[in-house]
Amino acid sequence: MSKRILIAPLDWGLGHATRCIPLIGHIEALGHIAVIAAEGRPLVVLQAEFPNREFIEFVGYQISYPKGGGMAWKMGVAAPRIIKRIAAEHLELNAIIAKHHIDAVISDNRFGLYTSKVPCVYITHQVMIKSPFFEPLLYELHMRYMNRYTEVWVPDYETNGLSGDLGHKYPLPRNGKFIGPLSRFLPSKSEITRDILVLISGPEPQRTRFEHVVLEHLEKFEGSAMAVLGTPEIEHERTDKQGHRLVPHLPTEQMEQAIKESGLIISRSGYSTIMDLSVLGKKAVFVPTPGQTEQEYLGHIFNGNRQHLLMLQRDFNLEKAWKNSENFSGFPATTSQTYMNHLERFINGLS
């Protein structure tokens, strides 16, 4: 008998939504039904990927970045509102389960989607929440939420992981499991036909600020390039003065092909992007979102081990990125899709 599984990604950029795509696809391949709960750009992306599916418009945390740095201060100010929303979504969940006949819940980094009524999975790569201060306290607070779930899935390798301290510095909760990288892409090679692909993403206003910086440099770049702007709500693409394609958004198959046929990827160092690039064995220049401590930390890891160049947004220079990236190795390709085994085991255990 098919099961109805609620999938709810965090509304912080598009990464949480895109890494739910392989889970939704595999749930359907196993003959079950994914009911998708999201809002804003994540909702737009998932509706484009899975048209004619069952969607719930579900209010998120509506996190925005400051115009400059100071993300820790911004989050501190927003904390009471976020905590209030976490409590509200927890109360709303039981009504959703009853109305939509849900058999299980998979929450991608939404803290309040646990209940005793059905088994619930919590997905996070950031067991330890990266912060300039209070990391041990934040870890303990996070543990309190994680322990309320049936299972916690960490999308990383148990050894030689991609997340560094985020997933490995502190012990996993008692219900925690490493499930391997979660990527919507399949490992394979393609001929390189483009020099650079720029992937612009993340919450506002920093997404728009990065777009302006990138487009200014692209107009001076004489190589072959394309930019994906991370605005799925916009329908029409355009070209710049050099003839480079500027695309609002690409569905999974087209995005996969665009990445495979590009020699260098320029992107944020968001963890979902890192997982995608690791599966495809690509090389990147990482430009962390200013003030986003997690992205800055991950960028420094890969710059330090000479896999991917780190370049701060305030120092961004496309020609220098293109030239200096030659000294970095990129990711070796992988064939790991172990998350499928964990998903199948979880669904098979549902009563």
Protein backbone atom coordinates (compact mmCIF):
# COMPACT_ATOMS: atom_id res chain seq x y z
CA MET A 1 0.00 0.00 0.00
CA SER A 2 1.41 3.39 -0.97
CA LYS A 3 2.38 5.84 1.79
CA ARG A 4 1.85 9.59 1.85
CA ILE A 5 4.99 11.39 2.97
CA LEU A 6 5.14 15.08 3.80
CA ILE A 7 8.32 16.83 2.54
CA ALA A 8 9.00 20.31 3.96
CA PRO A 9 12.22 22.21 3.15
CA LEU A 10 13.51 25.27 5.00
CA ASP A 11 12.96 28.51 3.08
CA TRP A 12 16.59 29.70 3.37
CA GLY A 13 17.69 30.05 -0.26
CA LEU A 14 16.95 27.29 -2.74
CA GLY A 15 19.40 24.63 -1.54
CA HIS A 16 17.08 22.97 0.96
CA ALA A 17 14.43 22.68 -1.74
CA THR A 18 16.75 21.36 -4.45
CA ARG A 19 18.21 18.67 -2.21
CA CYS A 20 14.67 17.46 -1.52
CA ILE A 21 14.25 16.77 -5.25
CA PRO A 22 16.06 13.40 -5.20
CA LEU A 23 14.08 12.34 -2.12
CA ILE A 24 10.77 13.24 -3.77
CA GLY A 25 11.82 11.50 -6.98
CA HIS A 26 12.81 8.31 -5.17
CA ILE A 27 9.65 8.30 -3.04
CA GLU A 28 7.63 8.37 -6.25
CA ALA A 29 9.86 5.75 -7.91
CA LEU A 30 9.05 3.43 -5.00
CA GLY A 31 5.34 3.90 -5.65
CA HIS A 32 4.57 6.29 -2.80
CA ILE A 33 3.19 9.85 -2.72
CA ALA A 34 5.14 12.96 -1.74
CA VAL A 35 3.07 15.83 -0.37
CA ILE A 36 5.20 18.97 -0.59
CA ALA A 37 4.95 21.86 1.89
CA ALA A 38 6.81 25.08 1.07
CA GLU A 39 6.43 28.75 0.20
CA GLY A 40 8.14 31.45 -1.87
CA ARG A 41 10.95 30.51 -4.24
CA PRO A 42 11.32 26.96 -2.87
CA LEU A 43 7.63 26.39 -3.66
CA VAL A 44 8.07 27.77 -7.20
CA VAL A 45 11.09 25.51 -7.83
CA LEU A 46 9.39 22.36 -6.57
CA GLN A 47 6.17 23.07 -8.45
CA ALA A 48 8.21 23.39 -11.65
CA GLU A 49 10.01 20.11 -10.94
CA PHE A 50 6.87 18.21 -9.91
CA PRO A 51 3.83 19.69 -11.65
CA ASN A 52 0.39 18.32 -10.82
CA ARG A 53 1.55 17.06 -7.43
CA GLU A 54 -0.04 17.84 -4.08
CA PHE A 55 1.33 21.07 -2.57
CA ILE A 56 0.68 22.86 0.68
CA GLU A 57 1.55 26.54 0.96
CA PHE A 58 3.36 26.41 4.29
CA VAL A 59 4.78 29.54 5.93
CA GLY A 60 8.55 29.40 6.51
CA TYR A 61 10.94 31.33 8.72
CA GLN A 62 11.34 34.15 6.18
CA ILE A 63 15.00 34.78 7.00
CA SER A 64 16.77 37.62 5.20
CA TYR A 65 20.40 38.67 5.15
CA PRO A 66 21.71 42.07 6.23
CA LYS A 67 23.03 44.29 3.46
CA GLY A 68 26.53 44.04 4.89
CA GLY A 69 27.95 41.53 7.37
CA GLY A 70 26.63 40.95 10.87
CA MET A 71 24.51 37.87 10.19
CA ALA A 72 24.94 36.67 13.78
CA TRP A 73 23.45 39.92 15.07
CA LYS A 74 20.63 39.73 12.51
CA MET A 75 19.79 36.18 13.58
CA GLY A 76 19.90 37.16 17.23
CA VAL A 77 17.36 39.91 16.63
CA ALA A 78 15.17 37.57 14.54
CA ALA A 79 15.40 34.66 17.02
CA PRO A 80 12.16 35.40 18.95
CA ARG A 81 10.18 35.56 15.68
CA ILE A 82 11.77 32.34 14.38
CA ILE A 83 11.14 30.52 17.66
CA LYS A 84 7.52 31.64 17.53
CA ARG A 85 7.20 30.28 13.99
CA ILE A 86 8.80 26.97 15.04
CA ALA A 87 6.21 26.60 17.80
CA ALA A 88 3.42 27.48 15.35
CA GLU A 89 4.52 24.99 12.68
CA HIS A 90 4.69 22.29 15.34
CA LEU A 91 1.07 22.95 16.25
CA GLU A 92 0.02 23.16 12.60
CA LEU A 93 1.62 19.81 11.74
CA ASN A 94 -1.02 17.62 13.39
CA ALA A 95 -3.78 19.37 11.44
CA ILE A 96 -1.85 18.86 8.20
CA ILE A 97 -1.36 15.17 9.01
CA ALA A 98 -5.08 14.70 9.62
CA LYS A 99 -6.26 16.70 6.62
CA HIS A 100 -3.81 15.21 4.10
CA HIS A 101 -3.62 11.66 5.56
CA ILE A 102 0.14 11.82 6.09
CA ASP A 103 1.99 8.61 7.05
CA ALA A 104 5.43 10.16 7.70
CA VAL A 105 7.22 13.52 7.70
CA ILE A 106 10.60 14.51 6.27
CA SER A 107 11.69 17.96 7.43
CA ASP A 108 14.72 19.54 5.79
CA ASN A 109 16.03 21.73 8.61
CA ARG A 110 12.61 22.91 9.83
CA PHE A 111 12.87 22.52 13.59
CA GLY A 112 9.21 22.14 14.56
CA LEU A 113 7.98 19.33 12.30
CA TYR A 114 8.01 16.50 14.82
CA THR A 115 5.02 14.68 16.29
CA SER A 116 4.15 11.46 18.08
CA LYS A 117 1.42 10.71 15.53
CA VAL A 118 3.71 9.55 12.67
CA PRO A 119 7.46 8.88 12.22
CA CYS A 120 9.40 12.06 11.48
CA VAL A 121 12.83 12.57 9.91
CA TYR A 122 14.92 15.71 10.34
CA ILE A 123 17.62 16.44 7.73
CA THR A 124 20.57 18.68 8.57
CA HIS A 125 24.21 18.93 7.55
CA GLN A 126 24.86 21.43 10.33
CA VAL A 127 24.68 19.34 13.51
CA MET A 128 26.88 22.04 15.01
CA ILE A 129 25.46 25.44 14.06
CA LYS A 130 28.43 27.54 12.94
CA SER A 131 28.56 30.81 14.85
CA PRO A 132 31.22 33.30 15.94
CA PHE A 133 30.13 32.65 19.52
CA PHE A 134 28.08 30.28 21.72
CA GLU A 135 28.70 27.24 19.48
CA PRO A 136 28.51 24.67 22.34
CA LEU A 137 25.27 26.23 23.59
CA LEU A 138 23.77 26.28 20.09
CA TYR A 139 24.75 22.62 19.66
CA GLU A 140 22.94 21.71 22.90
CA LEU A 141 19.85 23.65 21.84
CA HIS A 142 19.92 21.98 18.42
CA MET A 143 20.24 18.58 20.09
CA ARG A 144 17.01 19.22 22.00
CA TYR A 145 15.15 19.60 18.71
CA MET A 146 16.94 16.73 16.96
CA ASN A 147 16.15 14.30 19.79
CA ARG A 148 12.42 14.92 19.27
CA TYR A 149 12.53 13.29 15.81
CA THR A 150 12.34 9.61 14.97
CA GLU A 151 15.54 9.89 12.92
CA VAL A 152 18.08 12.57 12.03
CA TRP A 153 19.75 12.27 8.61
CA VAL A 154 23.06 14.00 7.98
CA PRO A 155 23.72 14.23 4.20
CA ASP A 156 27.45 13.57 4.29
CA TYR A 157 29.98 10.75 4.43
CA GLU A 158 30.77 9.34 7.85
CA THR A 159 34.49 9.66 7.10
CA ASN A 160 36.26 12.14 4.78
CA GLY A 161 33.11 14.25 4.82
CA LEU A 162 32.24 17.43 2.96
CA SER A 163 30.85 19.35 5.93
CA GLY A 164 33.93 19.49 8.17
CA ASP A 165 33.11 20.58 11.73
CA LEU A 166 29.47 21.19 10.85
CA GLY A 167 28.64 17.49 10.75
CA HIS A 168 31.64 15.95 12.51
CA LYS A 169 32.94 18.09 15.39
CA TYR A 170 30.29 16.99 17.88
CA PRO A 171 28.55 13.61 18.30
CA LEU A 172 25.39 12.95 16.35
CA PRO A 173 22.18 12.57 18.35
CA ARG A 174 21.27 9.02 19.37
CA ASN A 175 18.89 8.85 16.38
CA GLY A 176 21.41 10.30 13.90
CA LYS A 177 22.72 8.66 10.72
CA PHE A 178 25.09 9.73 7.94
CA ILE A 179 23.25 9.05 4.67
CA GLY A 180 25.82 10.25 2.10
CA PRO A 181 25.47 13.36 -0.11
CA LEU A 182 21.99 14.37 -1.28
CA SER A 183 22.14 15.55 -4.86
CA ARG A 184 19.52 15.81 -7.59
CA PHE A 185 22.24 14.99 -10.14
CA LEU A 186 23.68 11.68 -11.34
CA PRO A 187 27.44 11.12 -11.67
CA SER A 188 28.62 11.23 -15.30
CA LYS A 189 30.96 13.14 -17.60
CA SER A 190 30.22 15.53 -20.48
CA GLU A 191 32.35 17.40 -22.96
CA ILE A 192 33.36 20.88 -21.75
CA THR A 193 31.86 23.46 -24.11
CA ARG A 194 31.71 26.54 -21.85
CA ASP A 195 34.38 28.29 -19.78
CA ILE A 196 32.32 29.52 -16.83
CA LEU A 197 28.91 28.91 -15.31
CA VAL A 198 27.83 31.32 -12.56
CA LEU A 199 25.17 30.14 -10.12
CA ILE A 200 23.58 32.98 -8.17
CA SER A 201 21.44 32.00 -5.20
CA GLY A 202 20.48 32.68 -1.62
CA PRO A 203 18.13 34.94 0.31
CA GLU A 204 17.74 38.61 -0.44
CA PRO A 205 19.17 41.20 -0.44
CA GLN A 206 22.52 39.46 -0.92
CA ARG A 207 21.35 37.45 -3.94
CA THR A 208 20.62 40.68 -5.82
CA ARG A 209 23.87 42.30 -4.68
CA PHE A 210 25.87 39.32 -5.94
CA GLU A 211 23.96 39.38 -9.23
CA HIS A 212 24.92 43.02 -9.80
CA VAL A 213 28.59 42.29 -9.10
CA VAL A 214 28.64 39.26 -11.39
CA LEU A 215 26.84 40.91 -14.30
CA GLU A 216 29.21 43.87 -14.19
CA HIS A 217 32.20 41.53 -14.58
CA LEU A 218 30.53 39.28 -17.15
CA GLU A 219 30.14 42.23 -19.52
CA LYS A 220 33.95 42.45 -19.64
CA PHE A 221 34.60 38.70 -19.89
CA GLU A 222 35.47 37.58 -23.41
CA GLY A 223 35.32 33.85 -22.74
CA SER A 224 32.18 31.74 -22.96
CA ALA A 225 29.91 32.05 -19.93
CA MET A 226 26.38 31.70 -18.65
CA ALA A 227 24.72 32.86 -15.43
CA VAL A 228 21.75 31.26 -13.65
CA LEU A 229 20.26 34.04 -11.55
CA GLY A 230 18.26 32.10 -8.96
CA THR A 231 14.96 33.86 -9.70
CA PRO A 232 12.53 31.07 -10.66
CA GLU A 233 9.58 33.44 -10.45
CA ILE A 234 10.90 35.30 -13.55
CA GLU A 235 10.10 33.61 -16.87
CA HIS A 236 12.31 35.20 -19.52
CA GLU A 237 16.05 34.90 -20.08
CA ARG A 238 18.22 37.57 -21.72
CA THR A 239 21.76 38.10 -22.97
CA ASP A 240 24.38 40.68 -21.96
CA LYS A 241 26.60 42.83 -24.20
CA GLN A 242 29.04 39.94 -24.68
CA GLY A 243 26.25 37.56 -25.66
CA HIS A 244 26.37 35.56 -22.43
CA ARG A 245 23.08 33.89 -21.52
CA LEU A 246 21.43 35.16 -18.32
CA VAL A 247 18.87 32.58 -17.25
CA PRO A 248 16.44 33.09 -14.34
CA HIS A 249 16.33 29.39 -13.41
CA LEU A 250 16.97 25.96 -14.89
CA PRO A 251 15.07 22.75 -14.09
CA THR A 252 17.12 19.82 -12.85
CA GLU A 253 18.01 18.15 -16.17
CA GLN A 254 19.06 21.42 -17.82
CA MET A 255 20.99 22.57 -14.74
CA GLU A 256 22.82 19.25 -14.57
CA GLN A 257 23.83 19.52 -18.21
CA ALA A 258 24.90 23.16 -17.82
CA ILE A 259 27.17 22.27 -14.90
CA LYS A 260 28.65 19.23 -16.63
CA GLU A 261 29.59 21.13 -19.79
CA SER A 262 31.18 24.07 -17.91
CA GLY A 263 34.89 24.11 -17.04
CA LEU A 264 34.51 26.26 -13.92
CA ILE A 265 31.57 26.94 -11.62
CA ILE A 266 31.30 30.20 -9.69
CA SER A 267 28.80 29.99 -6.85
CA ARG A 268 28.01 30.48 -3.21
CA SER A 269 29.57 27.89 -0.92
CA GLY A 270 26.18 26.63 0.21
CA TYR A 271 26.24 23.01 1.28
CA SER A 272 23.66 21.81 -1.24
CA THR A 273 25.75 23.30 -4.07
CA ILE A 274 28.84 21.62 -2.62
CA MET A 275 27.07 18.25 -2.66
CA ASP A 276 25.96 18.76 -6.27
CA LEU A 277 29.46 19.69 -7.42
CA SER A 278 31.03 16.80 -5.53
CA VAL A 279 28.75 14.29 -7.25
CA LEU A 280 29.62 15.73 -10.67
CA GLY A 281 33.35 16.05 -9.92
CA LYS A 282 33.53 19.79 -10.73
CA LYS A 283 35.83 22.68 -9.82
CA ALA A 284 34.48 25.91 -8.36
CA VAL A 285 35.27 29.39 -7.18
CA PHE A 286 33.29 29.85 -3.98
CA VAL A 287 31.99 33.31 -3.07
CA PRO A 288 30.38 33.01 0.39
CA THR A 289 27.36 35.10 1.24
CA PRO A 290 28.74 37.99 3.34
CA GLY A 291 28.16 37.36 7.02
CA GLN A 292 27.05 33.75 6.50
CA THR A 293 29.47 31.97 8.84
CA GLU A 294 28.69 28.49 7.52
CA GLN A 295 29.48 29.40 3.91
CA GLU A 296 32.61 31.29 4.92
CA TYR A 297 33.79 28.28 6.92
CA LEU A 298 33.16 25.82 4.08
CA GLY A 299 34.85 28.14 1.57
CA HIS A 300 37.97 28.30 3.75
CA ILE A 301 38.05 24.48 4.07
CA PHE A 302 38.14 23.88 0.32
CA ASN A 303 40.49 26.79 -0.35
CA GLY A 304 42.84 25.43 2.30
CA ASN A 305 42.98 21.94 0.81
CA ARG A 306 43.49 23.42 -2.68
CA GLN A 307 40.29 22.02 -4.16
CA HIS A 308 38.38 25.25 -4.77
CA LEU A 309 39.39 28.91 -4.79
CA LEU A 310 37.77 31.16 -2.18
CA MET A 311 37.00 34.75 -3.20
CA LEU A 312 35.11 37.21 -1.00
CA GLN A 313 32.23 39.10 -2.62
CA ARG A 314 33.83 42.49 -1.94
CA ASP A 315 36.98 41.32 -3.78
CA PHE A 316 35.25 39.50 -6.62
CA ASN A 317 37.01 39.71 -9.96
CA LEU A 318 35.96 37.33 -12.72
CA GLU A 319 39.23 37.43 -14.67
CA LYS A 320 41.26 36.72 -11.50
CA ALA A 321 38.88 33.92 -10.53
CA TRP A 322 39.25 32.34 -13.98
CA LYS A 323 43.05 32.60 -13.92
CA ASN A 324 43.73 31.65 -10.29
CA SER A 325 41.37 28.65 -10.33
CA GLU A 326 43.95 26.84 -12.47
CA ASN A 327 45.88 26.13 -9.26
CA PHE A 328 43.02 24.16 -7.69
CA SER A 329 42.04 20.53 -8.29
CA GLY A 330 38.25 20.47 -7.89
CA PHE A 331 36.26 17.50 -6.59
CA PRO A 332 36.90 13.94 -7.67
CA ALA A 333 33.68 12.43 -9.04
CA THR A 334 31.70 10.02 -6.87
CA THR A 335 29.03 7.39 -7.47
CA SER A 336 27.51 7.52 -3.97
CA GLN A 337 23.72 7.39 -3.70
CA THR A 338 23.44 5.71 -0.30
CA TYR A 339 20.61 8.04 0.75
CA MET A 340 18.31 5.82 -1.32
CA ASN A 341 18.96 2.87 0.99
CA HIS A 342 18.09 4.93 4.08
CA LEU A 343 14.92 6.27 2.47
CA GLU A 344 13.78 2.78 1.43
CA ARG A 345 14.50 1.37 4.90
CA PHE A 346 12.53 4.20 6.53
CA ILE A 347 9.50 3.80 4.27
CA ASN A 348 9.51 0.01 4.58
CA GLY A 349 9.36 0.42 8.36
CA LEU A 350 6.15 2.45 8.23
CA SER A 351 3.13 0.59 9.55
